[in-house]
Amino acid sequence: MIRRAEERDVADILRVYAAARAFMRASGNHAQWTNGYPSEEIVRSDIARGISWVLENEEHLAAVFALIPGDDPTYAHIEGAWRDDSPYATIHRAGSDGTERGTFRAILAFARAQHEHLRADTHADNIPMQNCLQKSGFIYCGIIYLASGDPRRAYEWSSGR
């Protein structure tokens, strides 16, 4: 089940993000989500803004993501080209604790049910996420840059309606 995150979920969300960072490191991605990112401050801000969502089973919270409608300022400039200039939502900070299979498919199904156009980005070393995006119909569009100047591989999906 996917539901909007609540304040009571903060500790579980931080646990999920810690597990996701550990998975990244074990997969050779040592440069993304460093220094405790996403922080408790970011988690609380996402919840307050109503953009944080959690996936839970009967036993526990297993995944978290932010689904943010509207223009993402870091996507204004791309080295490459977006394929669709219609309104979109962005998937950010998707992480799983690794206990459930198919969490990213569930996240995408949820996001696609709400938005006909999605964008996402990931670090060049995050091969598992790149594979998930491409297997799910996202198209690689080019490189965007975070506010820090760090590059990210940018992807896009559109229903084509």
Protein backbone atom coordinates (compact mmCIF):
# COMPACT_ATOMS: atom_id res chain seq x y z
CA MET A 1 0.00 0.00 0.00
CA ILE A 2 1.23 3.50 -0.83
CA ARG A 3 0.13 6.40 1.31
CA ARG A 4 1.21 9.94 2.07
CA ALA A 5 3.98 10.03 4.68
CA GLU A 6 3.19 11.39 8.13
CA GLU A 7 5.29 12.77 10.99
CA ARG A 8 5.01 9.41 12.78
CA ASP A 9 6.95 7.86 9.86
CA VAL A 10 10.14 9.94 10.22
CA ALA A 11 12.19 7.29 12.06
CA ASP A 12 11.16 4.57 9.60
CA ILE A 13 11.89 6.81 6.61
CA LEU A 14 15.38 7.53 7.97
CA ARG A 15 15.87 3.76 8.45
CA VAL A 16 14.84 3.13 4.83
CA TYR A 17 17.22 5.82 3.58
CA ALA A 18 20.08 4.34 5.62
CA ALA A 19 19.41 0.92 4.04
CA ALA A 20 19.26 2.51 0.58
CA ARG A 21 22.61 4.26 1.15
CA ALA A 22 24.14 0.95 2.26
CA PHE A 23 22.81 -0.71 -0.91
CA MET A 24 24.30 2.08 -3.02
CA ARG A 25 27.71 1.61 -1.41
CA ALA A 26 27.54 -2.18 -1.86
CA SER A 27 26.64 -1.59 -5.54
CA GLY A 28 29.69 0.63 -6.13
CA ASN A 29 27.90 3.95 -5.82
CA HIS A 30 30.00 5.81 -3.25
CA ALA A 31 29.28 9.37 -4.39
CA GLN A 32 25.48 9.68 -4.18
CA TRP A 33 23.54 10.42 -0.99
CA THR A 34 26.62 11.29 1.08
CA ASN A 35 26.78 13.07 4.45
CA GLY A 36 23.48 11.62 5.64
CA TYR A 37 21.41 12.77 2.69
CA PRO A 38 18.42 12.78 2.72
CA SER A 39 18.55 14.35 6.16
CA GLU A 40 15.85 14.41 8.81
CA GLU A 41 15.29 18.06 7.94
CA ILE A 42 14.59 17.15 4.29
CA VAL A 43 12.33 14.27 5.36
CA ARG A 44 10.30 16.55 7.62
CA SER A 45 10.11 19.24 4.93
CA ASP A 46 8.90 16.71 2.33
CA ILE A 47 6.19 15.53 4.76
CA ALA A 48 5.11 19.10 5.56
CA ARG A 49 4.90 19.90 1.83
CA GLY A 50 2.79 16.79 1.21
CA ILE A 51 5.21 15.35 -1.36
CA SER A 52 6.55 12.39 0.64
CA TRP A 53 5.01 8.97 0.07
CA VAL A 54 5.67 5.61 1.70
CA LEU A 55 5.13 2.04 0.63
CA GLU A 56 4.23 -0.28 3.47
CA ASN A 57 3.21 -3.89 3.83
CA GLU A 58 1.36 -5.51 6.73
CA GLU A 59 4.54 -5.51 8.81
CA HIS A 60 6.50 -2.33 8.16
CA LEU A 61 7.34 0.65 6.00
CA ALA A 62 9.56 -0.66 3.17
CA ALA A 63 10.12 2.26 0.77
CA VAL A 64 9.83 6.02 0.48
CA PHE A 65 9.86 8.56 -2.34
CA ALA A 66 9.05 12.17 -3.09
CA LEU A 67 6.63 12.88 -5.93
CA ILE A 68 6.82 16.56 -6.80
CA PRO A 69 4.42 18.09 -9.33
CA GLY A 70 5.56 21.14 -11.28
CA ASP A 71 8.77 22.40 -12.78
CA ASP A 72 12.01 21.31 -11.14
CA PRO A 73 14.50 24.21 -11.32
CA THR A 74 17.43 21.84 -11.84
CA TYR A 75 15.73 20.56 -15.00
CA ALA A 76 15.56 24.00 -16.66
CA HIS A 77 18.91 23.39 -18.38
CA ILE A 78 19.85 20.01 -19.79
CA GLU A 79 22.86 18.92 -21.82
CA GLY A 80 20.72 16.95 -24.23
CA ALA A 81 16.99 17.46 -24.74
CA TRP A 82 13.75 16.73 -22.98
CA ARG A 83 11.33 14.91 -25.27
CA ASP A 84 8.12 16.39 -23.87
CA ASP A 85 7.53 19.94 -22.62
CA SER A 86 4.11 19.28 -21.06
CA PRO A 87 3.59 19.66 -17.28
CA TYR A 88 5.34 16.92 -15.29
CA ALA A 89 6.05 15.55 -11.86
CA THR A 90 9.46 14.49 -10.63
CA ILE A 91 10.33 11.38 -8.66
CA HIS A 92 13.05 12.18 -6.14
CA ARG A 93 14.62 10.45 -3.15
CA ALA A 94 13.25 6.98 -3.94
CA GLY A 95 14.67 4.43 -1.53
CA SER A 96 13.88 0.94 -0.31
CA ASP A 97 14.99 -1.06 2.69
CA GLY A 98 15.42 -4.10 0.41
CA THR A 99 12.81 -6.27 2.13
CA GLU A 100 10.20 -6.07 -0.64
CA ARG A 101 10.61 -6.96 -4.28
CA GLY A 102 9.06 -4.72 -6.92
CA THR A 103 8.99 -1.53 -4.87
CA PHE A 104 10.14 0.66 -7.76
CA ARG A 105 7.48 -0.85 -10.04
CA ALA A 106 4.88 -0.03 -7.38
CA ILE A 107 6.22 3.54 -7.03
CA LEU A 108 6.04 4.03 -10.80
CA ALA A 109 2.55 2.57 -11.07
CA PHE A 110 1.41 4.98 -8.36
CA ALA A 111 3.14 7.98 -9.97
CA ARG A 112 1.82 7.12 -13.44
CA ALA A 113 -1.73 6.83 -12.12
CA GLN A 114 -1.44 10.46 -10.97
CA HIS A 115 0.69 12.03 -13.71
CA GLU A 116 0.94 11.49 -17.46
CA HIS A 117 4.50 12.84 -17.59
CA LEU A 118 7.33 11.99 -15.20
CA ARG A 119 10.97 12.93 -14.90
CA ALA A 120 13.73 11.54 -12.69
CA ASP A 121 17.49 11.78 -12.37
CA THR A 122 20.23 9.73 -10.80
CA HIS A 123 23.96 9.63 -10.28
CA ALA A 124 26.12 8.11 -13.03
CA ASP A 125 27.28 5.44 -10.54
CA ASN A 126 23.71 4.39 -9.67
CA ILE A 127 23.48 1.60 -12.22
CA PRO A 128 20.60 -0.22 -10.45
CA MET A 129 18.41 2.91 -10.63
CA GLN A 130 19.38 3.55 -14.25
CA ASN A 131 18.38 -0.01 -15.08
CA CYS A 132 15.06 0.35 -13.21
CA LEU A 133 14.24 3.55 -15.06
CA GLN A 134 15.10 2.16 -18.50
CA LYS A 135 13.25 -1.12 -17.91
CA SER A 136 10.23 0.95 -16.87
CA GLY A 137 10.04 2.90 -20.11
CA PHE A 138 11.98 5.99 -19.11
CA ILE A 139 14.17 7.47 -21.84
CA TYR A 140 17.62 8.87 -21.10
CA CYS A 141 17.57 12.56 -22.11
CA GLY A 142 20.95 13.96 -21.02
CA ILE A 143 22.75 15.53 -18.10
CA ILE A 144 21.28 18.01 -15.63
CA TYR A 145 23.10 19.73 -12.80
CA LEU A 146 22.02 20.00 -9.18
CA ALA A 147 22.22 23.35 -7.39
CA SER A 148 25.60 22.15 -6.04
CA GLY A 149 26.85 21.76 -9.61
CA ASP A 150 26.93 17.95 -9.42
CA PRO A 151 25.86 16.25 -12.67
CA ARG A 152 23.01 13.74 -12.83
CA ARG A 153 21.69 11.51 -15.61
CA ALA A 154 18.17 12.68 -16.49
CA TYR A 155 15.29 10.46 -17.62
CA GLU A 156 11.76 11.04 -18.79
CA TRP A 157 8.55 9.05 -19.26
CA SER A 158 5.37 10.23 -20.92
CA SER A 159 2.10 8.43 -21.52
CA GLY A 160 2.05 9.99 -24.99
CA ARG A 161 -1.57 11.08 -24.68
